[in-house]
Amino acid sequence: VMADKNGIVHVWTTEPTATYPTPSLLNKFRVTRKEPSCSVAQVHFINDLTADSPHLIVADNSGIVSIWADFAIPTSQRFLTSFRVPGTKHRVVTCWDQVHSLLFFSGVPGALHVFDTQ
C-alpha cells in the first residue's frame, strides 16, 4: 500500500499468484478531501492481510483519521468511520499496536491519545 501527495491510496499485489503473476495495482481510491493541502500522513494495517477482515487506518495532515475495509478488492473499498484528532496543530502521528488492539495518536506536542478498540 502506498499513498500519493493527492490523498489517493494505491494497493498493490506483492506476491505472484495465478491471477496476478507480477506485482499489479489492485485498487486505488481517495482517502482525503479534495484540497491541495490535504495529503496522507500515515497508513497502518489493522489485522494481518491474511486475516478474513483486514482494515486500513489512514491519517491525513489535516487531522482526520479514517478506517477502511475491503481496500484490496478492486473498487470495493468501504469507509467505516473517521474522527478528528483533538487539537491538531501539527502533522498527525499515529501508531497501531496489533497485539493489544490500541491506536495511539497525537496532533500536538506533549499530548498522546489512546483508542482501545476492544
PDB file of N, CA and C in Angstrom:
ATOM      1  N   VAL A   1       0.844  -1.174   0.000  1.00  0.00           N
ATOM      2  CA  VAL A   1       0.000   0.000   0.000  1.00  0.00           C
ATOM      3  C   VAL A   1       0.886   1.232   0.000  1.00  0.00           C
ATOM      4  N   MET A   2       0.547   2.187  -0.822  1.00  0.00           N
ATOM      5  CA  MET A   2       1.242   3.475  -0.826  1.00  0.00           C
ATOM      6  C   MET A   2       0.216   4.574  -1.037  1.00  0.00           C
ATOM      7  N   ALA A   3       0.575   5.772  -0.650  1.00  0.00           N
ATOM      8  CA  ALA A   3      -0.314   6.914  -0.846  1.00  0.00           C
ATOM      9  C   ALA A   3       0.452   7.998  -1.583  1.00  0.00           C
ATOM     10  N   ASP A   4      -0.242   8.709  -2.467  1.00  0.00           N
ATOM     11  CA  ASP A   4       0.430   9.790  -3.187  1.00  0.00           C
ATOM     12  C   ASP A   4       0.108  11.138  -2.534  1.00  0.00           C
ATOM     13  N   LYS A   5       0.689  12.194  -3.050  1.00  0.00           N
ATOM     14  CA  LYS A   5       0.514  13.523  -2.453  1.00  0.00           C
ATOM     15  C   LYS A   5      -0.888  14.088  -2.649  1.00  0.00           C
ATOM     16  N   ASN A   6      -1.714  13.424  -3.458  1.00  0.00           N
ATOM     17  CA  ASN A   6      -3.082  13.883  -3.714  1.00  0.00           C
ATOM     18  C   ASN A   6      -4.124  13.185  -2.851  1.00  0.00           C
ATOM     19  N   GLY A   7      -3.680  12.371  -1.867  1.00  0.00           N
ATOM     20  CA  GLY A   7      -4.624  11.684  -0.995  1.00  0.00           C
ATOM     21  C   GLY A   7      -5.235  10.441  -1.596  1.00  0.00           C
ATOM     22  N   ILE A   8      -4.546   9.841  -2.565  1.00  0.00           N
ATOM     23  CA  ILE A   8      -5.010   8.606  -3.189  1.00  0.00           C
ATOM     24  C   ILE A   8      -4.171   7.451  -2.657  1.00  0.00           C
ATOM     25  N   VAL A   9      -4.835   6.405  -2.144  1.00  0.00           N
ATOM     26  CA  VAL A   9      -4.157   5.195  -1.708  1.00  0.00           C
ATOM     27  C   VAL A   9      -4.118   4.223  -2.878  1.00  0.00           C
ATOM     28  N   HIS A  10      -2.951   3.629  -3.100  1.00  0.00           N
ATOM     29  CA  HIS A  10      -2.751   2.624  -4.147  1.00  0.00           C
ATOM     30  C   HIS A  10      -2.434   1.300  -3.463  1.00  0.00           C
ATOM     31  N   VAL A  11      -3.195   0.249  -3.787  1.00  0.00           N
ATOM     32  CA  VAL A  11      -2.991  -1.074  -3.203  1.00  0.00           C
ATOM     33  C   VAL A  11      -2.433  -1.988  -4.282  1.00  0.00           C
ATOM     34  N   TRP A  12      -1.264  -2.556  -4.025  1.00  0.00           N
ATOM     35  CA  TRP A  12      -0.563  -3.401  -4.995  1.00  0.00           C
ATOM     36  C   TRP A  12      -0.452  -4.832  -4.479  1.00  0.00           C
ATOM     37  N   THR A  13      -0.355  -5.798  -5.392  1.00  0.00           N
ATOM     38  CA  THR A  13      -0.016  -7.161  -5.005  1.00  0.00           C
ATOM     39  C   THR A  13       1.485  -7.196  -4.738  1.00  0.00           C
ATOM     40  N   THR A  14       1.906  -8.075  -3.866  1.00  0.00           N
ATOM     41  CA  THR A  14       3.343  -8.222  -3.610  1.00  0.00           C
ATOM     42  C   THR A  14       3.822  -9.627  -3.910  1.00  0.00           C
ATOM     43  N   GLU A  15       2.928 -10.588  -3.851  1.00  0.00           N
ATOM     44  CA  GLU A  15       3.264 -11.988  -4.109  1.00  0.00           C
ATOM     45  C   GLU A  15       2.637 -12.417  -5.434  1.00  0.00           C
ATOM     46  N   PRO A  16       3.388 -13.127  -6.269  1.00  0.00           N
ATOM     47  CA  PRO A  16       2.804 -13.631  -7.517  1.00  0.00           C
ATOM     48  C   PRO A  16       1.711 -14.675  -7.241  1.00  0.00           C
ATOM     49  N   THR A  17       0.624 -14.588  -7.976  1.00  0.00           N
ATOM     50  CA  THR A  17      -0.463 -15.569  -7.891  1.00  0.00           C
ATOM     51  C   THR A  17      -0.864 -15.923  -9.315  1.00  0.00           C
ATOM     52  N   ALA A  18      -1.766 -16.878  -9.458  1.00  0.00           N
ATOM     53  CA  ALA A  18      -2.238 -17.237 -10.792  1.00  0.00           C
ATOM     54  C   ALA A  18      -2.943 -16.050 -11.451  1.00  0.00           C
ATOM     55  N   THR A  19      -3.678 -15.283 -10.647  1.00  0.00           N
ATOM     56  CA  THR A  19      -4.403 -14.127 -11.177  1.00  0.00           C
ATOM     57  C   THR A  19      -3.462 -12.969 -11.474  1.00  0.00           C
ATOM     58  N   TYR A  20      -2.476 -12.752 -10.584  1.00  0.00           N
ATOM     59  CA  TYR A  20      -1.532 -11.640 -10.720  1.00  0.00           C
ATOM     60  C   TYR A  20      -0.103 -12.183 -10.670  1.00  0.00           C
ATOM     61  N   PRO A  21       0.457 -12.629 -11.825  1.00  0.00           N
ATOM     62  CA  PRO A  21       1.796 -13.223 -11.827  1.00  0.00           C
ATOM     63  C   PRO A  21       2.923 -12.218 -11.525  1.00  0.00           C
ATOM     64  N   THR A  22       2.677 -10.947 -11.709  1.00  0.00           N
ATOM     65  CA  THR A  22       3.666  -9.915 -11.385  1.00  0.00           C
ATOM     66  C   THR A  22       2.991  -8.873 -10.496  1.00  0.00           C
ATOM     67  N   PRO A  23       3.765  -8.065  -9.786  1.00  0.00           N
ATOM     68  CA  PRO A  23       3.125  -7.019  -8.979  1.00  0.00           C
ATOM     69  C   PRO A  23       2.164  -6.192  -9.830  1.00  0.00           C
ATOM     70  N   SER A  24       0.947  -6.043  -9.316  1.00  0.00           N
ATOM     71  CA  SER A  24      -0.101  -5.352 -10.069  1.00  0.00           C
ATOM     72  C   SER A  24      -0.896  -4.445  -9.141  1.00  0.00           C
ATOM     73  N   LEU A  25      -1.429  -3.385  -9.716  1.00  0.00           N
ATOM     74  CA  LEU A  25      -2.297  -2.485  -8.964  1.00  0.00           C
ATOM     75  C   LEU A  25      -3.658  -3.148  -8.783  1.00  0.00           C
ATOM     76  N   LEU A  26      -4.058  -3.374  -7.518  1.00  0.00           N
ATOM     77  CA  LEU A  26      -5.355  -3.981  -7.231  1.00  0.00           C
ATOM     78  C   LEU A  26      -6.463  -2.948  -7.134  1.00  0.00           C
ATOM     79  N   ASN A  27      -6.157  -1.824  -6.503  1.00  0.00           N
ATOM     80  CA  ASN A  27      -7.193  -0.834  -6.235  1.00  0.00           C
ATOM     81  C   ASN A  27      -6.542   0.508  -5.953  1.00  0.00           C
ATOM     82  N   LYS A  28      -7.253   1.573  -6.206  1.00  0.00           N
ATOM     83  CA  LYS A  28      -6.834   2.905  -5.771  1.00  0.00           C
ATOM     84  C   LYS A  28      -8.080   3.710  -5.482  1.00  0.00           C
ATOM     85  N   PHE A  29      -7.997   4.526  -4.427  1.00  0.00           N
ATOM     86  CA  PHE A  29      -9.159   5.304  -4.024  1.00  0.00           C
ATOM     87  C   PHE A  29      -8.718   6.494  -3.190  1.00  0.00           C
ATOM     88  N   ARG A  30      -9.555   7.548  -3.194  1.00  0.00           N
ATOM     89  CA  ARG A  30      -9.267   8.778  -2.458  1.00  0.00           C
ATOM     90  C   ARG A  30      -9.631   8.580  -0.996  1.00  0.00           C
ATOM     91  N   VAL A  31      -8.735   8.995  -0.106  1.00  0.00           N
ATOM     92  CA  VAL A  31      -8.979   8.871   1.327  1.00  0.00           C
ATOM     93  C   VAL A  31      -8.987  10.218   2.032  1.00  0.00           C
ATOM     94  N   THR A  32      -8.730  11.307   1.305  1.00  0.00           N
ATOM     95  CA  THR A  32      -8.728  12.640   1.896  1.00  0.00           C
ATOM     96  C   THR A  32      -9.684  13.539   1.123  1.00  0.00           C
ATOM     97  N   ARG A  33      -9.932  14.702   1.686  1.00  0.00           N
ATOM     98  CA  ARG A  33     -10.748  15.695   0.979  1.00  0.00           C
ATOM     99  C   ARG A  33      -9.976  16.187  -0.239  1.00  0.00           C
ATOM    100  N   LYS A  34     -10.695  16.714  -1.201  1.00  0.00           N
ATOM    101  CA  LYS A  34     -10.052  17.218  -2.423  1.00  0.00           C
ATOM    102  C   LYS A  34      -9.559  18.641  -2.209  1.00  0.00           C
ATOM    103  N   GLU A  35      -8.528  18.772  -1.405  1.00  0.00           N
ATOM    104  CA  GLU A  35      -7.907  20.069  -1.170  1.00  0.00           C
ATOM    105  C   GLU A  35      -6.424  19.923  -1.473  1.00  0.00           C
ATOM    106  N   PRO A  36      -5.824  20.925  -2.089  1.00  0.00           N
ATOM    107  CA  PRO A  36      -4.408  20.818  -2.446  1.00  0.00           C
ATOM    108  C   PRO A  36      -3.490  20.574  -1.247  1.00  0.00           C
ATOM    109  N   SER A  37      -3.878  21.074  -0.085  1.00  0.00           N
ATOM    110  CA  SER A  37      -3.008  20.943   1.081  1.00  0.00           C
ATOM    111  C   SER A  37      -3.278  19.664   1.886  1.00  0.00           C
ATOM    112  N   CYS A  38      -4.223  18.837   1.480  1.00  0.00           N
ATOM    113  CA  CYS A  38      -4.599  17.650   2.251  1.00  0.00           C
ATOM    114  C   CYS A  38      -3.976  16.401   1.627  1.00  0.00           C
ATOM    115  N   SER A  39      -3.051  15.783   2.361  1.00  0.00           N
ATOM    116  CA  SER A  39      -2.409  14.568   1.873  1.00  0.00           C
ATOM    117  C   SER A  39      -2.333  13.547   2.996  1.00  0.00           C
ATOM    118  N   VAL A  40      -1.991  12.322   2.651  1.00  0.00           N
ATOM    119  CA  VAL A  40      -1.895  11.239   3.622  1.00  0.00           C
ATOM    120  C   VAL A  40      -0.606  11.383   4.418  1.00  0.00           C
ATOM    121  N   ALA A  41      -0.732  11.320   5.749  1.00  0.00           N
ATOM    122  CA  ALA A  41       0.434  11.414   6.620  1.00  0.00           C
ATOM    123  C   ALA A  41       0.940  10.026   7.005  1.00  0.00           C
ATOM    124  N   GLN A  42       0.023   9.093   7.324  1.00  0.00           N
ATOM    125  CA  GLN A  42       0.419   7.752   7.743  1.00  0.00           C
ATOM    126  C   GLN A  42      -0.645   6.732   7.370  1.00  0.00           C
ATOM    127  N   VAL A  43      -0.188   5.480   7.162  1.00  0.00           N
ATOM    128  CA  VAL A  43      -1.071   4.363   6.841  1.00  0.00           C
ATOM    129  C   VAL A  43      -0.659   3.178   7.710  1.00  0.00           C
ATOM    130  N   HIS A  44      -1.642   2.475   8.299  1.00  0.00           N
ATOM    131  CA  HIS A  44      -1.387   1.288   9.107  1.00  0.00           C
ATOM    132  C   HIS A  44      -2.407   0.210   8.753  1.00  0.00           C
ATOM    133  N   PHE A  45      -2.008  -1.041   8.916  1.00  0.00           N
ATOM    134  CA  PHE A  45      -2.935  -2.158   8.767  1.00  0.00           C
ATOM    135  C   PHE A  45      -3.478  -2.548  10.133  1.00  0.00           C
ATOM    136  N   ILE A  46      -4.788  -2.811  10.207  1.00  0.00           N
ATOM    137  CA  ILE A  46      -5.399  -3.417  11.381  1.00  0.00           C
ATOM    138  C   ILE A  46      -5.665  -4.856  10.973  1.00  0.00           C
ATOM    139  N   ASN A  47      -5.182  -5.776  11.755  1.00  0.00           N
ATOM    140  CA  ASN A  47      -5.221  -7.206  11.432  1.00  0.00           C
ATOM    141  C   ASN A  47      -4.204  -7.460  10.333  1.00  0.00           C
ATOM    142  N   ASP A  48      -3.882  -8.673  10.154  1.00  0.00           N
ATOM    143  CA  ASP A  48      -2.926  -9.061   9.134  1.00  0.00           C
ATOM    144  C   ASP A  48      -3.627  -9.122   7.784  1.00  0.00           C
ATOM    145  N   LEU A  49      -2.890  -8.937   6.719  1.00  0.00           N
ATOM    146  CA  LEU A  49      -3.504  -9.006   5.383  1.00  0.00           C
ATOM    147  C   LEU A  49      -4.037 -10.394   5.068  1.00  0.00           C
ATOM    148  N   THR A  50      -3.581 -11.407   5.792  1.00  0.00           N
ATOM    149  CA  THR A  50      -4.092 -12.755   5.557  1.00  0.00           C
ATOM    150  C   THR A  50      -5.361 -13.020   6.347  1.00  0.00           C
ATOM    151  N   ALA A  51      -5.737 -12.114   7.230  1.00  0.00           N
ATOM    152  CA  ALA A  51      -6.955 -12.279   8.027  1.00  0.00           C
ATOM    153  C   ALA A  51      -8.189 -12.133   7.143  1.00  0.00           C
ATOM    154  N   ASP A  52      -9.312 -12.614   7.657  1.00  0.00           N
ATOM    155  CA  ASP A  52     -10.567 -12.513   6.902  1.00  0.00           C
ATOM    156  C   ASP A  52     -10.994 -11.073   6.692  1.00  0.00           C
ATOM    157  N   SER A  53     -10.648 -10.210   7.630  1.00  0.00           N
ATOM    158  CA  SER A  53     -11.149  -8.847   7.575  1.00  0.00           C
ATOM    159  C   SER A  53     -10.068  -7.811   7.898  1.00  0.00           C
ATOM    160  N   PRO A  54      -9.080  -7.660   7.026  1.00  0.00           N
ATOM    161  CA  PRO A  54      -8.087  -6.615   7.308  1.00  0.00           C
ATOM    162  C   PRO A  54      -8.694  -5.228   7.098  1.00  0.00           C
ATOM    163  N   HIS A  55      -8.211  -4.259   7.859  1.00  0.00           N
ATOM    164  CA  HIS A  55      -8.660  -2.881   7.732  1.00  0.00           C
ATOM    165  C   HIS A  55      -7.446  -1.988   7.554  1.00  0.00           C
ATOM    166  N   LEU A  56      -7.693  -0.800   7.067  1.00  0.00           N
ATOM    167  CA  LEU A  56      -6.639   0.159   6.812  1.00  0.00           C
ATOM    168  C   LEU A  56      -6.933   1.430   7.609  1.00  0.00           C
ATOM    169  N   ILE A  57      -5.949   1.886   8.392  1.00  0.00           N
ATOM    170  CA  ILE A  57      -6.052   3.157   9.099  1.00  0.00           C
ATOM    171  C   ILE A  57      -5.284   4.181   8.276  1.00  0.00           C
ATOM    172  N   VAL A  58      -5.917   5.297   7.986  1.00  0.00           N
ATOM    173  CA  VAL A  58      -5.268   6.357   7.218  1.00  0.00           C
ATOM    174  C   VAL A  58      -5.397   7.667   7.993  1.00  0.00           C
ATOM    175  N   ALA A  59      -4.265   8.311   8.242  1.00  0.00           N
ATOM    176  CA  ALA A  59      -4.265   9.621   8.898  1.00  0.00           C
ATOM    177  C   ALA A  59      -3.824  10.658   7.876  1.00  0.00           C
ATOM    178  N   ASP A  60      -4.572  11.747   7.782  1.00  0.00           N
ATOM    179  CA  ASP A  60      -4.163  12.796   6.836  1.00  0.00           C
ATOM    180  C   ASP A  60      -3.584  13.987   7.590  1.00  0.00           C
ATOM    181  N   ASN A  61      -2.977  14.885   6.859  1.00  0.00           N
ATOM    182  CA  ASN A  61      -2.285  16.008   7.502  1.00  0.00           C
ATOM    183  C   ASN A  61      -3.224  17.111   7.986  1.00  0.00           C
ATOM    184  N   SER A  62      -4.540  16.921   7.822  1.00  0.00           N
ATOM    185  CA  SER A  62      -5.492  17.887   8.369  1.00  0.00           C
ATOM    186  C   SER A  62      -6.057  17.407   9.711  1.00  0.00           C
ATOM    187  N   GLY A  63      -5.591  16.239  10.194  1.00  0.00           N
ATOM    188  CA  GLY A  63      -6.018  15.744  11.493  1.00  0.00           C
ATOM    189  C   GLY A  63      -7.134  14.725  11.466  1.00  0.00           C
ATOM    190  N   ILE A  64      -7.502  14.217  10.306  1.00  0.00           N
ATOM    191  CA  ILE A  64      -8.555  13.220  10.193  1.00  0.00           C
ATOM    192  C   ILE A  64      -7.932  11.831  10.128  1.00  0.00           C
ATOM    193  N   VAL A  65      -8.432  10.926  10.972  1.00  0.00           N
ATOM    194  CA  VAL A  65      -8.037   9.520  10.933  1.00  0.00           C
ATOM    195  C   VAL A  65      -9.255   8.746  10.462  1.00  0.00           C
ATOM    196  N   SER A  66      -9.094   7.952   9.396  1.00  0.00           N
ATOM    197  CA  SER A  66     -10.216   7.178   8.861  1.00  0.00           C
ATOM    198  C   SER A  66      -9.847   5.701   8.809  1.00  0.00           C
ATOM    199  N   ILE A  67     -10.876   4.859   8.862  1.00  0.00           N
ATOM    200  CA  ILE A  67     -10.676   3.414   8.822  1.00  0.00           C
ATOM    201  C   ILE A  67     -11.472   2.855   7.656  1.00  0.00           C
ATOM    202  N   TRP A  68     -10.813   1.981   6.874  1.00  0.00           N
ATOM    203  CA  TRP A  68     -11.376   1.432   5.641  1.00  0.00           C
ATOM    204  C   TRP A  68     -11.357  -0.090   5.677  1.00  0.00           C
ATOM    205  N   ALA A  69     -12.344  -0.714   5.057  1.00  0.00           N
ATOM    206  CA  ALA A  69     -12.403  -2.168   4.907  1.00  0.00           C
ATOM    207  C   ALA A  69     -12.415  -2.510   3.420  1.00  0.00           C
ATOM    208  N   ASP A  70     -12.119  -3.741   3.110  1.00  0.00           N
ATOM    209  CA  ASP A  70     -12.146  -4.255   1.727  1.00  0.00           C
ATOM    210  C   ASP A  70     -11.309  -3.408   0.771  1.00  0.00           C
ATOM    211  N   PHE A  71     -10.234  -2.840   1.270  1.00  0.00           N
ATOM    212  CA  PHE A  71      -9.417  -1.924   0.477  1.00  0.00           C
ATOM    213  C   PHE A  71      -8.612  -2.618  -0.611  1.00  0.00           C
ATOM    214  N   ALA A  72      -8.392  -3.936  -0.499  1.00  0.00           N
ATOM    215  CA  ALA A  72      -7.603  -4.654  -1.508  1.00  0.00           C
ATOM    216  C   ALA A  72      -8.469  -5.247  -2.612  1.00  0.00           C
ATOM    217  N   ILE A  73      -9.780  -5.095  -2.502  1.00  0.00           N
ATOM    218  CA  ILE A  73     -10.696  -5.610  -3.521  1.00  0.00           C
ATOM    219  C   ILE A  73     -11.013  -4.473  -4.489  1.00  0.00           C
ATOM    220  N   PRO A  74     -10.723  -4.656  -5.773  1.00  0.00           N
ATOM    221  CA  PRO A  74     -10.913  -3.567  -6.737  1.00  0.00           C
ATOM    222  C   PRO A  74     -12.294  -2.915  -6.657  1.00  0.00           C
ATOM    223  N   THR A  75     -12.304  -1.611  -6.489  1.00  0.00           N
ATOM    224  CA  THR A  75     -13.486  -0.742  -6.420  1.00  0.00           C
ATOM    225  C   THR A  75     -14.486  -1.137  -5.329  1.00  0.00           C
ATOM    226  N   SER A  76     -14.063  -1.921  -4.340  1.00  0.00           N
ATOM    227  CA  SER A  76     -14.976  -2.368  -3.289  1.00  0.00           C
ATOM    228  C   SER A  76     -14.637  -1.819  -1.909  1.00  0.00           C
ATOM    229  N   GLN A  77     -13.703  -0.861  -1.833  1.00  0.00           N
ATOM    230  CA  GLN A  77     -13.330  -0.321  -0.529  1.00  0.00           C
ATOM    231  C   GLN A  77     -14.559   0.258   0.168  1.00  0.00           C
ATOM    232  N   ARG A  78     -14.577   0.095   1.507  1.00  0.00           N
ATOM    233  CA  ARG A  78     -15.691   0.615   2.295  1.00  0.00           C
ATOM    234  C   ARG A  78     -15.145   1.517   3.389  1.00  0.00           C
ATOM    235  N   PHE A  79     -15.675   2.715   3.438  1.00  0.00           N
ATOM    236  CA  PHE A  79     -15.352   3.649   4.510  1.00  0.00           C
ATOM    237  C   PHE A  79     -16.119   3.211   5.742  1.00  0.00           C
ATOM    238  N   LEU A  80     -15.424   2.994   6.872  1.00  0.00           N
ATOM    239  CA  LEU A  80     -16.093   2.544   8.093  1.00  0.00           C
ATOM    240  C   LEU A  80     -16.368   3.681   9.064  1.00  0.00           C
ATOM    241  N   THR A  81     -15.350   4.474   9.364  1.00  0.00           N
ATOM    242  CA  THR A  81     -15.520   5.569  10.309  1.00  0.00           C
ATOM    243  C   THR A  81     -14.330   6.511  10.225  1.00  0.00           C
ATOM    244  N   SER A  82     -14.475   7.666  10.845  1.00  0.00           N
ATOM    245  CA  SER A  82     -13.358   8.597  10.936  1.00  0.00           C
ATOM    246  C   SER A  82     -13.544   9.476  12.154  1.00  0.00           C
ATOM    247  N   PHE A  83     -12.466  10.117  12.574  1.00  0.00           N
ATOM    248  CA  PHE A  83     -12.528  11.082  13.661  1.00  0.00           C
ATOM    249  C   PHE A  83     -11.416  12.094  13.483  1.00  0.00           C
ATOM    250  N   ARG A  84     -11.605  13.247  14.089  1.00  0.00           N
ATOM    251  CA  ARG A  84     -10.584  14.297  14.048  1.00  0.00           C
ATOM    252  C   ARG A  84      -9.747  14.199  15.313  1.00  0.00           C
ATOM    253  N   VAL A  85      -8.443  14.248  15.149  1.00  0.00           N
ATOM    254  CA  VAL A  85      -7.525  14.226  16.283  1.00  0.00           C
ATOM    255  C   VAL A  85      -7.664  15.545  17.032  1.00  0.00           C
ATOM    256  N   PRO A  86      -7.929  15.496  18.342  1.00  0.00           N
ATOM    257  CA  PRO A  86      -8.124  16.736  19.109  1.00  0.00           C
ATOM    258  C   PRO A  86      -6.897  17.652  19.073  1.00  0.00           C
ATOM    259  N   GLY A  87      -7.140  18.937  18.909  1.00  0.00           N
ATOM    260  CA  GLY A  87      -6.077  19.934  18.982  1.00  0.00           C
ATOM    261  C   GLY A  87      -5.036  19.864  17.885  1.00  0.00           C
ATOM    262  N   THR A  88      -5.418  19.353  16.722  1.00  0.00           N
ATOM    263  CA  THR A  88      -4.435  19.186  15.648  1.00  0.00           C
ATOM    264  C   THR A  88      -3.882  20.531  15.210  1.00  0.00           C
ATOM    265  N   LYS A  89      -2.604  20.744  15.481  1.00  0.00           N
ATOM    266  CA  LYS A  89      -1.919  21.953  15.031  1.00  0.00           C
ATOM    267  C   LYS A  89      -0.681  21.595  14.220  1.00  0.00           C
ATOM    268  N   HIS A  90      -0.297  20.349  14.306  1.00  0.00           N
ATOM    269  CA  HIS A  90       0.865  19.850  13.591  1.00  0.00           C
ATOM    270  C   HIS A  90       0.456  18.589  12.848  1.00  0.00           C
ATOM    271  N   ARG A  91       1.386  17.998  12.183  1.00  0.00           N
ATOM    272  CA  ARG A  91       1.127  16.750  11.478  1.00  0.00           C
ATOM    273  C   ARG A  91       0.649  15.681  12.467  1.00  0.00           C
ATOM    274  N   VAL A  92      -0.334  14.898  12.073  1.00  0.00           N
ATOM    275  CA  VAL A  92      -0.858  13.824  12.905  1.00  0.00           C
ATOM    276  C   VAL A  92       0.156  12.678  12.938  1.00  0.00           C
ATOM    277  N   VAL A  93       0.366  12.147  14.134  1.00  0.00           N
ATOM    278  CA  VAL A  93       1.234  10.989  14.311  1.00  0.00           C
ATOM    279  C   VAL A  93       0.380   9.868  14.872  1.00  0.00           C
ATOM    280  N   THR A  94       0.442   8.685  14.266  1.00  0.00           N
ATOM    281  CA  THR A  94      -0.330   7.547  14.727  1.00  0.00           C
ATOM    282  C   THR A  94       0.571   6.331  14.877  1.00  0.00           C
ATOM    283  N   CYS A  95       0.151   5.405  15.722  1.00  0.00           N
ATOM    284  CA  CYS A  95       0.863   4.140  15.898  1.00  0.00           C
ATOM    285  C   CYS A  95      -0.174   3.085  16.259  1.00  0.00           C
ATOM    286  N   TRP A  96      -0.193   1.974  15.527  1.00  0.00           N
ATOM    287  CA  TRP A  96      -1.138   0.897  15.780  1.00  0.00           C
ATOM    288  C   TRP A  96      -0.418  -0.231  16.504  1.00  0.00           C
ATOM    289  N   ASP A  97      -0.967  -0.675  17.642  1.00  0.00           N
ATOM    290  CA  ASP A  97      -0.435  -1.804  18.400  1.00  0.00           C
ATOM    291  C   ASP A  97      -1.347  -3.003  18.145  1.00  0.00           C
ATOM    292  N   GLN A  98      -0.917  -3.902  17.259  1.00  0.00           N
ATOM    293  CA  GLN A  98      -1.730  -5.046  16.849  1.00  0.00           C
ATOM    294  C   GLN A  98      -2.002  -5.997  18.015  1.00  0.00           C
ATOM    295  N   VAL A  99      -1.018  -6.236  18.842  1.00  0.00           N
ATOM    296  CA  VAL A  99      -1.154  -7.198  19.932  1.00  0.00           C
ATOM    297  C   VAL A  99      -2.245  -6.783  20.922  1.00  0.00           C
ATOM    298  N   HIS A 100      -2.299  -5.509  21.270  1.00  0.00           N
ATOM    299  CA  HIS A 100      -3.256  -5.027  22.268  1.00  0.00           C
ATOM    300  C   HIS A 100      -4.458  -4.293  21.655  1.00  0.00           C
ATOM    301  N   SER A 101      -4.515  -4.192  20.337  1.00  0.00           N
ATOM    302  CA  SER A 101      -5.609  -3.511  19.625  1.00  0.00           C
ATOM    303  C   SER A 101      -5.777  -2.071  20.084  1.00  0.00           C
ATOM    304  N   LEU A 102      -4.666  -1.358  20.164  1.00  0.00           N
ATOM    305  CA  LEU A 102      -4.670   0.039  20.583  1.00  0.00           C
ATOM    306  C   LEU A 102      -4.185   0.930  19.454  1.00  0.00           C
ATOM    307  N   LEU A 103      -4.836   2.071  19.296  1.00  0.00           N
ATOM    308  CA  LEU A 103      -4.380   3.088  18.363  1.00  0.00           C
ATOM    309  C   LEU A 103      -3.925   4.299  19.170  1.00  0.00           C
ATOM    310  N   PHE A 104      -2.652   4.640  19.043  1.00  0.00           N
ATOM    311  CA  PHE A 104      -2.093   5.818  19.684  1.00  0.00           C
ATOM    312  C   PHE A 104      -2.068   6.932  18.644  1.00  0.00           C
ATOM    313  N   PHE A 105      -2.433   8.149  19.036  1.00  0.00           N
ATOM    314  CA  PHE A 105      -2.397   9.245  18.077  1.00  0.00           C
ATOM    315  C   PHE A 105      -2.197  10.573  18.787  1.00  0.00           C
ATOM    316  N   SER A 106      -1.636  11.521  18.046  1.00  0.00           N
ATOM    317  CA  SER A 106      -1.411  12.855  18.586  1.00  0.00           C
ATOM    318  C   SER A 106      -1.365  13.857  17.441  1.00  0.00           C
ATOM    319  N   GLY A 107      -1.757  15.083  17.771  1.00  0.00           N
ATOM    320  CA  GLY A 107      -1.697  16.162  16.791  1.00  0.00           C
ATOM    321  C   GLY A 107      -0.970  17.381  17.325  1.00  0.00           C
ATOM    322  N   VAL A 108      -0.568  17.306  18.594  1.00  0.00           N
ATOM    323  CA  VAL A 108       0.174  18.411  19.210  1.00  0.00           C
ATOM    324  C   VAL A 108       1.280  17.831  20.091  1.00  0.00           C
ATOM    325  N   PRO A 109       2.406  18.508  20.194  1.00  0.00           N
ATOM    326  CA  PRO A 109       3.470  18.024  21.083  1.00  0.00           C
ATOM    327  C   PRO A 109       2.984  17.957  22.532  1.00  0.00           C
ATOM    328  N   GLY A 110       3.375  16.910  23.240  1.00  0.00           N
ATOM    329  CA  GLY A 110       3.031  16.778  24.646  1.00  0.00           C
ATOM    330  C   GLY A 110       1.682  16.136  24.925  1.00  0.00           C
ATOM    331  N   ALA A 111       0.923  15.767  23.899  1.00  0.00           N
ATOM    332  CA  ALA A 111      -0.383  15.135  24.100  1.00  0.00           C
ATOM    333  C   ALA A 111      -0.411  13.810  23.347  1.00  0.00           C
ATOM    334  N   LEU A 112      -0.817  12.761  24.039  1.00  0.00           N
ATOM    335  CA  LEU A 112      -0.945  11.437  23.414  1.00  0.00           C
ATOM    336  C   LEU A 112      -2.310  10.882  23.757  1.00  0.00           C
ATOM    337  N   HIS A 113      -3.045  10.450  22.753  1.00  0.00           N
ATOM    338  CA  HIS A 113      -4.372   9.861  22.955  1.00  0.00           C
ATOM    339  C   HIS A 113      -4.281   8.384  22.628  1.00  0.00           C
ATOM    340  N   VAL A 114      -5.086   7.572  23.316  1.00  0.00           N
ATOM    341  CA  VAL A 114      -5.121   6.135  23.095  1.00  0.00           C
ATOM    342  C   VAL A 114      -6.558   5.727  22.857  1.00  0.00           C
ATOM    343  N   PHE A 115      -6.785   5.011  21.760  1.00  0.00           N
ATOM    344  CA  PHE A 115      -8.104   4.497  21.435  1.00  0.00           C
ATOM    345  C   PHE A 115      -8.042   2.976  21.554  1.00  0.00           C
ATOM    346  N   ASP A 116      -8.801   2.408  22.490  1.00  0.00           N
ATOM    347  CA  ASP A 116      -8.837   0.955  22.708  1.00  0.00           C
ATOM    348  C   ASP A 116      -9.980   0.391  21.876  1.00  0.00           C
ATOM    349  N   THR A 117      -9.665  -0.463  20.925  1.00  0.00           N
ATOM    350  CA  THR A 117     -10.685  -0.974  20.018  1.00  0.00           C
ATOM    351  C   THR A 117     -11.405  -2.194  20.562  1.00  0.00           C
ATOM    352  N   GLN A 118     -11.035  -2.647  21.759  1.00  0.00           N
ATOM    353  CA  GLN A 118     -11.714  -3.826  22.305  1.00  0.00           C
ATOM    354  C   GLN A 118     -12.828  -3.473  23.230  1.00  0.00           C
TER     355      GLN A 118
END
